[in-house]
């Protein structure tokens, strides 16, 4: 059952998010769209568009160049790939990333940004083109109470207002 579609953000949005690292990154149109490794895989693997070293006790932000459009009633939840956690204890800074369905239409074009945290005592390097996180689409329900909604305007962290 297909409920979503991955795509790339614009070159301008991607370059803006990369900042001074733009020259070292894979061009946005060459970033592979997230895909499952096997027919039985739940997670869609994201690749890093540039080499990133996460220092001990610190974090690093990876602009993926990817956006996801999904049907109503679905959410994309991001997790680190198991190998990062098992080998290096690396995790997402916010534990699990929640990409809401309306995020694709935010001012930042729904650019999925992943912030990794390295609590270990050694630096961890994510190679350019290396799979580093996975996203799983999950259905969600709502409560009976009436909700009042505002249109999403901002990007990352914009619903916390």
N, C-alpha and C. Protein backbone atom coordinates (compact mmCIF):
# COMPACT_ATOMS: atom_id res chain seq x y z
N UNK A 1 0.84 -1.17 0.00
CA UNK A 1 0.00 0.00 0.00
C UNK A 1 0.89 1.24 0.00
N UNK A 2 0.95 1.94 -1.10
CA UNK A 2 1.76 3.15 -1.21
C UNK A 2 0.98 4.33 -0.65
N UNK A 3 1.57 5.00 0.35
CA UNK A 3 0.90 6.14 0.99
C UNK A 3 1.77 7.40 0.97
N UNK A 4 2.94 7.31 0.36
CA UNK A 4 3.86 8.46 0.40
C UNK A 4 4.75 8.47 -0.84
N UNK A 5 5.42 9.62 -0.99
CA UNK A 5 6.36 9.77 -2.10
C UNK A 5 7.53 10.62 -1.60
N UNK A 6 8.74 10.16 -1.84
CA UNK A 6 9.94 10.94 -1.53
C UNK A 6 10.32 11.77 -2.75
N UNK A 7 10.93 12.91 -2.49
CA UNK A 7 11.46 13.75 -3.55
C UNK A 7 12.61 14.57 -3.00
N UNK A 8 13.19 15.38 -3.85
CA UNK A 8 14.29 16.26 -3.45
C UNK A 8 13.77 17.67 -3.21
N UNK A 9 14.41 18.37 -2.30
CA UNK A 9 14.14 19.80 -2.15
C UNK A 9 14.86 20.52 -3.29
N UNK A 10 14.59 21.79 -3.45
CA UNK A 10 15.26 22.55 -4.50
C UNK A 10 16.75 22.69 -4.19
N UNK A 11 17.51 22.95 -5.23
CA UNK A 11 18.95 23.17 -5.07
C UNK A 11 19.21 24.34 -4.13
N UNK A 12 18.40 25.41 -4.24
CA UNK A 12 18.58 26.60 -3.40
C UNK A 12 18.36 26.26 -1.93
N UNK A 13 17.30 25.53 -1.62
CA UNK A 13 17.01 25.14 -0.23
C UNK A 13 18.13 24.25 0.31
N UNK A 14 18.55 23.31 -0.49
CA UNK A 14 19.61 22.37 -0.10
C UNK A 14 20.91 23.12 0.20
N UNK A 15 21.32 24.00 -0.70
CA UNK A 15 22.56 24.77 -0.52
C UNK A 15 22.48 25.67 0.71
N UNK A 16 21.32 26.26 0.92
CA UNK A 16 21.14 27.11 2.10
C UNK A 16 21.33 26.31 3.38
N UNK A 17 20.76 25.12 3.43
CA UNK A 17 20.88 24.27 4.62
C UNK A 17 22.31 23.77 4.83
N UNK A 18 23.01 23.50 3.75
CA UNK A 18 24.40 23.02 3.85
C UNK A 18 25.35 24.13 4.29
N UNK A 19 25.06 25.36 3.89
CA UNK A 19 25.93 26.48 4.23
C UNK A 19 27.32 26.31 3.65
N UNK A 20 28.33 26.49 4.47
CA UNK A 20 29.71 26.43 4.01
C UNK A 20 30.14 25.04 3.58
N UNK A 21 29.37 24.01 3.92
CA UNK A 21 29.71 22.64 3.53
C UNK A 21 29.20 22.28 2.14
N UNK A 22 28.57 23.21 1.45
CA UNK A 22 27.92 22.93 0.16
C UNK A 22 28.87 22.35 -0.88
N UNK A 23 30.10 22.80 -0.89
CA UNK A 23 31.06 22.32 -1.88
C UNK A 23 31.47 20.87 -1.70
N UNK A 24 31.29 20.32 -0.51
CA UNK A 24 31.69 18.95 -0.21
C UNK A 24 30.56 17.94 -0.36
N UNK A 25 29.36 18.41 -0.70
CA UNK A 25 28.19 17.55 -0.69
C UNK A 25 27.84 17.02 -2.08
N UNK A 26 27.14 15.90 -2.08
CA UNK A 26 26.58 15.35 -3.31
C UNK A 26 25.55 16.35 -3.84
N UNK A 27 25.51 16.64 -5.14
CA UNK A 27 24.46 17.52 -5.67
C UNK A 27 23.07 16.94 -5.33
N UNK A 28 22.13 17.81 -5.01
CA UNK A 28 20.83 17.34 -4.53
C UNK A 28 20.17 16.36 -5.49
N UNK A 29 20.29 16.59 -6.79
CA UNK A 29 19.64 15.69 -7.75
C UNK A 29 20.30 14.32 -7.83
N UNK A 30 21.50 14.18 -7.26
CA UNK A 30 22.19 12.89 -7.28
C UNK A 30 22.05 12.12 -5.97
N UNK A 31 21.39 12.72 -4.98
CA UNK A 31 21.16 12.01 -3.72
C UNK A 31 20.12 10.93 -3.98
N UNK A 32 20.44 9.68 -3.65
CA UNK A 32 19.44 8.63 -3.85
C UNK A 32 18.23 8.85 -2.94
N UNK A 33 17.04 8.66 -3.49
CA UNK A 33 15.85 8.74 -2.66
C UNK A 33 15.87 7.59 -1.66
N UNK A 34 15.34 7.81 -0.46
CA UNK A 34 15.32 6.73 0.53
C UNK A 34 14.65 5.48 -0.04
N UNK A 35 15.22 4.33 0.29
CA UNK A 35 14.65 3.06 -0.17
C UNK A 35 14.85 1.98 0.87
N UNK A 36 14.03 0.95 0.76
CA UNK A 36 14.14 -0.20 1.65
C UNK A 36 15.19 -1.15 1.09
N UNK A 37 15.96 -1.77 1.98
CA UNK A 37 17.02 -2.67 1.55
C UNK A 37 16.49 -4.01 1.05
N UNK A 38 15.38 -4.47 1.62
CA UNK A 38 14.78 -5.75 1.22
C UNK A 38 13.27 -5.59 1.17
N UNK A 39 12.60 -6.56 0.57
CA UNK A 39 11.14 -6.53 0.48
C UNK A 39 10.50 -6.55 1.86
N UNK A 40 11.16 -7.14 2.84
CA UNK A 40 10.61 -7.22 4.19
C UNK A 40 11.01 -6.08 5.10
N UNK A 41 11.82 -5.15 4.62
CA UNK A 41 12.28 -4.02 5.44
C UNK A 41 11.16 -3.01 5.65
N UNK A 42 11.00 -2.55 6.88
CA UNK A 42 10.04 -1.50 7.18
C UNK A 42 10.66 -0.13 6.94
N UNK A 43 11.96 0.00 7.21
CA UNK A 43 12.62 1.29 7.16
C UNK A 43 13.18 1.64 5.80
N UNK A 44 13.03 2.93 5.45
CA UNK A 44 13.62 3.49 4.24
C UNK A 44 14.94 4.14 4.63
N UNK A 45 16.03 3.68 4.06
CA UNK A 45 17.36 4.17 4.41
C UNK A 45 17.65 5.52 3.75
N UNK A 46 18.14 6.45 4.56
CA UNK A 46 18.59 7.76 4.08
C UNK A 46 20.11 7.73 4.02
N UNK A 47 20.69 8.37 2.99
CA UNK A 47 22.14 8.45 2.89
C UNK A 47 22.60 9.86 3.22
N UNK A 48 23.81 9.96 3.73
CA UNK A 48 24.37 11.26 4.04
C UNK A 48 24.94 11.87 2.76
N UNK A 49 24.58 13.12 2.45
CA UNK A 49 25.10 13.74 1.24
C UNK A 49 26.52 14.28 1.38
N UNK A 50 27.08 14.20 2.57
CA UNK A 50 28.44 14.67 2.79
C UNK A 50 29.05 13.90 3.96
N UNK A 51 30.36 13.94 4.04
CA UNK A 51 31.02 13.31 5.19
C UNK A 51 30.84 14.20 6.41
N UNK A 52 30.41 13.58 7.50
CA UNK A 52 30.16 14.31 8.74
C UNK A 52 30.85 13.57 9.88
N UNK A 53 31.65 14.29 10.65
CA UNK A 53 32.24 13.72 11.86
C UNK A 53 31.53 14.32 13.06
N UNK A 54 31.01 13.44 13.90
CA UNK A 54 30.32 13.87 15.12
C UNK A 54 31.32 13.72 16.26
N UNK A 55 31.78 14.83 16.83
CA UNK A 55 32.77 14.77 17.91
C UNK A 55 32.20 14.10 19.16
N UNK A 56 33.08 13.59 20.04
CA UNK A 56 32.60 12.99 21.29
C UNK A 56 31.80 14.00 22.11
N UNK A 57 30.67 13.55 22.63
CA UNK A 57 29.84 14.41 23.47
C UNK A 57 29.16 15.54 22.74
N UNK A 58 29.12 15.49 21.42
CA UNK A 58 28.54 16.59 20.64
C UNK A 58 27.52 16.06 19.64
N UNK A 59 26.98 16.98 18.85
CA UNK A 59 26.04 16.56 17.82
C UNK A 59 26.37 17.24 16.50
N UNK A 60 25.75 16.72 15.43
CA UNK A 60 25.96 17.28 14.10
C UNK A 60 24.66 17.15 13.31
N UNK A 61 24.37 18.19 12.52
CA UNK A 61 23.15 18.23 11.73
C UNK A 61 23.46 17.80 10.29
N UNK A 62 22.65 16.89 9.76
CA UNK A 62 22.82 16.44 8.38
C UNK A 62 21.59 16.84 7.58
N UNK A 63 21.74 17.81 6.65
CA UNK A 63 20.64 18.15 5.74
C UNK A 63 20.57 17.04 4.67
N UNK A 64 19.46 16.32 4.59
CA UNK A 64 19.39 15.16 3.70
C UNK A 64 19.10 15.50 2.25
N UNK A 65 18.52 16.70 1.98
CA UNK A 65 18.12 17.04 0.62
C UNK A 65 16.81 16.38 0.22
N UNK A 66 16.17 15.69 1.16
CA UNK A 66 14.98 14.88 0.89
C UNK A 66 13.75 15.49 1.56
N UNK A 67 12.60 15.32 0.92
CA UNK A 67 11.30 15.68 1.49
C UNK A 67 10.37 14.50 1.27
N UNK A 68 9.30 14.42 2.05
CA UNK A 68 8.34 13.32 1.92
C UNK A 68 6.93 13.87 1.94
N UNK A 69 6.16 13.52 0.94
CA UNK A 69 4.73 13.84 0.91
C UNK A 69 3.98 12.56 1.23
N UNK A 70 3.01 12.65 2.15
CA UNK A 70 2.27 11.44 2.54
C UNK A 70 0.79 11.74 2.68
N UNK A 71 0.01 10.69 2.61
CA UNK A 71 -1.44 10.84 2.75
C UNK A 71 -1.78 11.23 4.18
N UNK A 72 -2.96 11.85 4.36
CA UNK A 72 -3.43 12.20 5.69
C UNK A 72 -3.51 10.94 6.56
N UNK A 73 -3.23 11.10 7.84
CA UNK A 73 -3.30 9.98 8.77
C UNK A 73 -2.02 9.18 8.88
N UNK A 74 -0.94 9.67 8.25
CA UNK A 74 0.35 8.99 8.29
C UNK A 74 1.43 9.95 8.78
N UNK A 75 2.48 9.39 9.36
CA UNK A 75 3.63 10.15 9.83
C UNK A 75 4.88 9.35 9.47
N UNK A 76 5.97 10.04 9.21
CA UNK A 76 7.25 9.39 8.96
C UNK A 76 8.08 9.56 10.23
N UNK A 77 8.53 8.46 10.82
CA UNK A 77 9.33 8.51 12.04
C UNK A 77 10.75 8.07 11.69
N UNK A 78 11.73 8.88 12.10
CA UNK A 78 13.14 8.61 11.80
C UNK A 78 13.86 8.03 13.00
N UNK A 79 14.73 7.07 12.72
CA UNK A 79 15.57 6.43 13.73
C UNK A 79 16.97 6.28 13.15
N UNK A 80 18.00 6.20 14.02
CA UNK A 80 19.33 5.93 13.48
C UNK A 80 19.37 4.49 12.96
N UNK A 81 20.24 4.21 12.02
CA UNK A 81 20.41 2.82 11.60
C UNK A 81 20.99 2.04 12.78
N UNK A 82 20.58 0.81 12.89
CA UNK A 82 20.98 -0.02 14.04
C UNK A 82 22.48 -0.07 14.23
N UNK A 83 23.23 -0.13 13.14
CA UNK A 83 24.68 -0.24 13.25
C UNK A 83 25.30 0.96 13.96
N UNK A 84 24.76 2.16 13.78
CA UNK A 84 25.30 3.33 14.48
C UNK A 84 25.10 3.22 15.98
N UNK A 85 23.92 2.75 16.37
CA UNK A 85 23.63 2.60 17.79
C UNK A 85 24.45 1.49 18.43
N UNK A 86 24.51 0.35 17.77
CA UNK A 86 25.23 -0.80 18.34
C UNK A 86 26.73 -0.56 18.40
N UNK A 87 27.29 -0.02 17.33
CA UNK A 87 28.75 0.15 17.28
C UNK A 87 29.25 1.37 18.02
N UNK A 88 28.46 2.47 17.98
CA UNK A 88 28.98 3.74 18.49
C UNK A 88 28.07 4.44 19.49
N UNK A 89 26.90 3.90 19.77
CA UNK A 89 25.92 4.51 20.67
C UNK A 89 25.37 5.83 20.12
N UNK A 90 25.55 6.07 18.81
CA UNK A 90 25.04 7.29 18.20
C UNK A 90 23.53 7.19 18.08
N UNK A 91 22.87 8.30 18.34
CA UNK A 91 21.40 8.35 18.29
C UNK A 91 20.95 9.68 17.71
N UNK A 92 19.67 9.79 17.42
CA UNK A 92 19.14 11.07 17.01
C UNK A 92 19.04 11.94 18.25
N UNK A 93 19.36 13.21 18.11
CA UNK A 93 19.35 14.12 19.26
C UNK A 93 17.98 14.20 19.92
N UNK A 94 16.92 14.06 19.13
CA UNK A 94 15.58 14.11 19.70
C UNK A 94 14.98 12.71 19.87
N UNK A 95 15.80 11.69 19.92
CA UNK A 95 15.45 10.28 20.12
C UNK A 95 14.81 9.67 18.89
N UNK A 96 13.71 10.24 18.42
CA UNK A 96 13.08 9.81 17.17
C UNK A 96 12.57 11.06 16.46
N UNK A 97 12.83 11.16 15.18
CA UNK A 97 12.36 12.31 14.42
C UNK A 97 10.96 12.08 13.91
N UNK A 98 10.09 13.04 14.11
CA UNK A 98 8.70 12.93 13.65
C UNK A 98 8.51 13.91 12.49
N UNK A 99 8.22 13.37 11.31
CA UNK A 99 7.97 14.18 10.13
C UNK A 99 6.47 14.13 9.87
N UNK A 100 5.79 15.23 10.18
CA UNK A 100 4.34 15.31 9.99
C UNK A 100 4.01 15.43 8.51
N UNK A 101 2.79 15.04 8.17
CA UNK A 101 2.35 15.08 6.79
C UNK A 101 2.37 16.46 6.16
N UNK A 102 2.11 17.50 6.94
CA UNK A 102 2.10 18.85 6.37
C UNK A 102 3.48 19.50 6.34
N UNK A 103 4.49 18.82 6.86
CA UNK A 103 5.85 19.36 6.85
C UNK A 103 6.36 19.54 5.42
N UNK A 104 5.90 18.71 4.50
CA UNK A 104 6.36 18.80 3.10
C UNK A 104 6.05 20.15 2.48
N UNK A 105 5.10 20.89 3.07
CA UNK A 105 4.68 22.16 2.49
C UNK A 105 5.13 23.37 3.33
N UNK A 106 6.11 23.15 4.21
CA UNK A 106 6.66 24.23 5.03
C UNK A 106 7.54 25.14 4.16
N UNK A 107 7.91 26.27 4.72
CA UNK A 107 8.73 27.24 3.98
C UNK A 107 10.07 26.64 3.54
N UNK A 108 10.57 25.65 4.28
CA UNK A 108 11.85 25.03 3.91
C UNK A 108 11.65 23.84 2.96
N UNK A 109 10.45 23.78 2.34
CA UNK A 109 10.10 22.74 1.36
C UNK A 109 10.02 21.34 1.99
N UNK A 110 9.93 21.28 3.32
CA UNK A 110 9.86 19.98 3.99
C UNK A 110 11.20 19.28 4.05
N UNK A 111 12.27 20.07 3.99
CA UNK A 111 13.64 19.51 4.00
C UNK A 111 13.87 18.72 5.29
N UNK A 112 14.08 17.43 5.16
CA UNK A 112 14.30 16.57 6.32
C UNK A 112 15.74 16.73 6.79
N UNK A 113 15.88 17.19 8.02
CA UNK A 113 17.18 17.42 8.64
C UNK A 113 17.32 16.44 9.79
N UNK A 114 18.47 15.81 9.90
CA UNK A 114 18.68 14.81 10.94
C UNK A 114 19.85 15.25 11.81
N UNK A 115 19.58 15.37 13.11
CA UNK A 115 20.63 15.77 14.05
C UNK A 115 21.05 14.54 14.84
N UNK A 116 22.32 14.16 14.71
CA UNK A 116 22.87 13.01 15.41
C UNK A 116 23.61 13.45 16.66
N UNK A 117 23.53 12.65 17.70
CA UNK A 117 24.22 12.90 18.96
C UNK A 117 25.19 11.78 19.22
N UNK A 118 26.42 12.11 19.61
CA UNK A 118 27.46 11.12 19.89
C UNK A 118 27.86 11.20 21.36
N UNK A 119 27.29 10.34 22.21
CA UNK A 119 27.63 10.37 23.63
C UNK A 119 28.92 9.62 23.96
N UNK A 120 29.56 9.02 22.96
CA UNK A 120 30.76 8.21 23.22
C UNK A 120 31.98 9.09 23.48
N UNK A 121 33.11 8.45 23.73
CA UNK A 121 34.35 9.17 23.99
C UNK A 121 35.26 9.22 22.76
N UNK A 122 34.72 8.85 21.59
CA UNK A 122 35.49 8.90 20.36
C UNK A 122 34.66 9.52 19.23
N UNK A 123 35.31 10.19 18.28
CA UNK A 123 34.56 10.77 17.16
C UNK A 123 33.98 9.67 16.28
N UNK A 124 32.84 9.95 15.68
CA UNK A 124 32.20 9.01 14.77
C UNK A 124 32.00 9.72 13.43
N UNK A 125 32.49 9.10 12.36
CA UNK A 125 32.37 9.68 11.03
C UNK A 125 31.34 8.93 10.21
N UNK A 126 30.43 9.70 9.62
CA UNK A 126 29.43 9.19 8.68
C UNK A 126 29.97 9.55 7.30
N UNK A 127 30.22 8.57 6.47
CA UNK A 127 30.79 8.82 5.15
C UNK A 127 29.80 9.39 4.16
N UNK A 128 30.30 10.12 3.20
CA UNK A 128 29.48 10.65 2.10
C UNK A 128 28.87 9.46 1.36
N UNK A 129 27.54 9.45 1.23
CA UNK A 129 26.85 8.36 0.57
C UNK A 129 26.52 7.18 1.47
N UNK A 130 26.90 7.26 2.75
CA UNK A 130 26.64 6.16 3.71
C UNK A 130 25.22 6.24 4.25
N UNK A 131 24.58 5.09 4.38
CA UNK A 131 23.26 5.03 5.00
C UNK A 131 23.43 5.27 6.49
N UNK A 132 22.67 6.22 7.04
CA UNK A 132 22.88 6.58 8.44
C UNK A 132 21.60 6.62 9.28
N UNK A 133 20.45 6.76 8.65
CA UNK A 133 19.20 6.72 9.40
C UNK A 133 18.14 6.05 8.55
N UNK A 134 17.04 5.71 9.21
CA UNK A 134 15.94 5.06 8.49
C UNK A 134 14.63 5.67 8.91
N UNK A 135 13.71 5.74 7.97
CA UNK A 135 12.39 6.29 8.23
C UNK A 135 11.33 5.22 8.04
N UNK A 136 10.36 5.21 8.95
CA UNK A 136 9.27 4.24 8.89
C UNK A 136 7.96 5.02 8.88
N UNK A 137 7.10 4.72 7.92
CA UNK A 137 5.78 5.35 7.85
C UNK A 137 4.84 4.61 8.79
N UNK A 138 4.15 5.37 9.64
CA UNK A 138 3.22 4.79 10.59
C UNK A 138 1.88 5.53 10.53
N UNK A 139 0.77 4.79 10.67
CA UNK A 139 -0.52 5.48 10.74
C UNK A 139 -0.70 6.07 12.13
N UNK A 140 -1.51 7.12 12.24
CA UNK A 140 -1.79 7.68 13.55
C UNK A 140 -3.27 8.02 13.66
N UNK A 141 -3.76 8.03 14.87
CA UNK A 141 -5.14 8.39 15.14
C UNK A 141 -5.21 9.71 15.86
N UNK A 142 -6.42 10.19 16.04
CA UNK A 142 -6.62 11.46 16.74
C UNK A 142 -7.64 11.26 17.86
N UNK A 143 -7.65 12.15 18.82
CA UNK A 143 -8.58 12.10 19.95
C UNK A 143 -9.94 12.67 19.54
N UNK A 144 -10.95 12.40 20.34
CA UNK A 144 -12.31 12.88 20.05
C UNK A 144 -12.44 14.39 20.19
N UNK A 145 -11.65 14.99 21.05
CA UNK A 145 -11.76 16.43 21.32
C UNK A 145 -11.59 17.23 20.04
N UNK A 146 -12.31 18.32 19.96
CA UNK A 146 -12.19 19.20 18.79
C UNK A 146 -10.83 19.88 18.82
N UNK A 147 -10.19 19.92 17.70
CA UNK A 147 -8.89 20.57 17.58
C UNK A 147 -9.04 21.85 16.77
N UNK A 148 -8.22 22.83 17.12
CA UNK A 148 -8.12 24.04 16.31
C UNK A 148 -6.76 24.00 15.64
N UNK A 149 -6.75 24.23 14.37
CA UNK A 149 -5.51 24.09 13.63
C UNK A 149 -5.07 25.41 13.02
N UNK A 150 -3.78 25.58 12.98
CA UNK A 150 -3.17 26.67 12.25
C UNK A 150 -2.41 26.04 11.09
N UNK A 151 -2.23 26.78 10.03
CA UNK A 151 -1.44 26.28 8.92
C UNK A 151 0.02 26.31 9.30
N UNK A 152 0.76 25.26 8.92
CA UNK A 152 2.21 25.23 9.18
C UNK A 152 2.87 26.28 8.32
N UNK A 153 3.75 27.04 8.94
CA UNK A 153 4.51 28.04 8.20
C UNK A 153 5.98 27.72 8.20
N UNK A 154 6.54 27.48 9.37
CA UNK A 154 7.96 27.26 9.47
C UNK A 154 8.38 25.84 9.16
N UNK A 155 9.64 25.59 9.35
CA UNK A 155 10.19 24.27 9.09
C UNK A 155 10.44 23.53 10.39
N UNK A 156 11.66 23.09 10.60
CA UNK A 156 12.07 22.29 11.75
C UNK A 156 11.68 22.96 13.07
N UNK A 157 10.93 22.24 13.89
CA UNK A 157 10.53 22.74 15.20
C UNK A 157 9.45 23.80 15.18
N UNK A 158 8.78 24.00 14.07
CA UNK A 158 7.83 25.12 13.94
C UNK A 158 6.50 24.90 14.64
N UNK A 159 6.17 23.68 15.04
CA UNK A 159 4.88 23.46 15.70
C UNK A 159 4.96 23.67 17.21
N UNK A 160 6.12 24.04 17.72
CA UNK A 160 6.30 24.22 19.15
C UNK A 160 5.86 25.58 19.66
N UNK A 161 5.23 26.38 18.84
CA UNK A 161 4.84 27.75 19.23
C UNK A 161 3.65 27.74 20.14
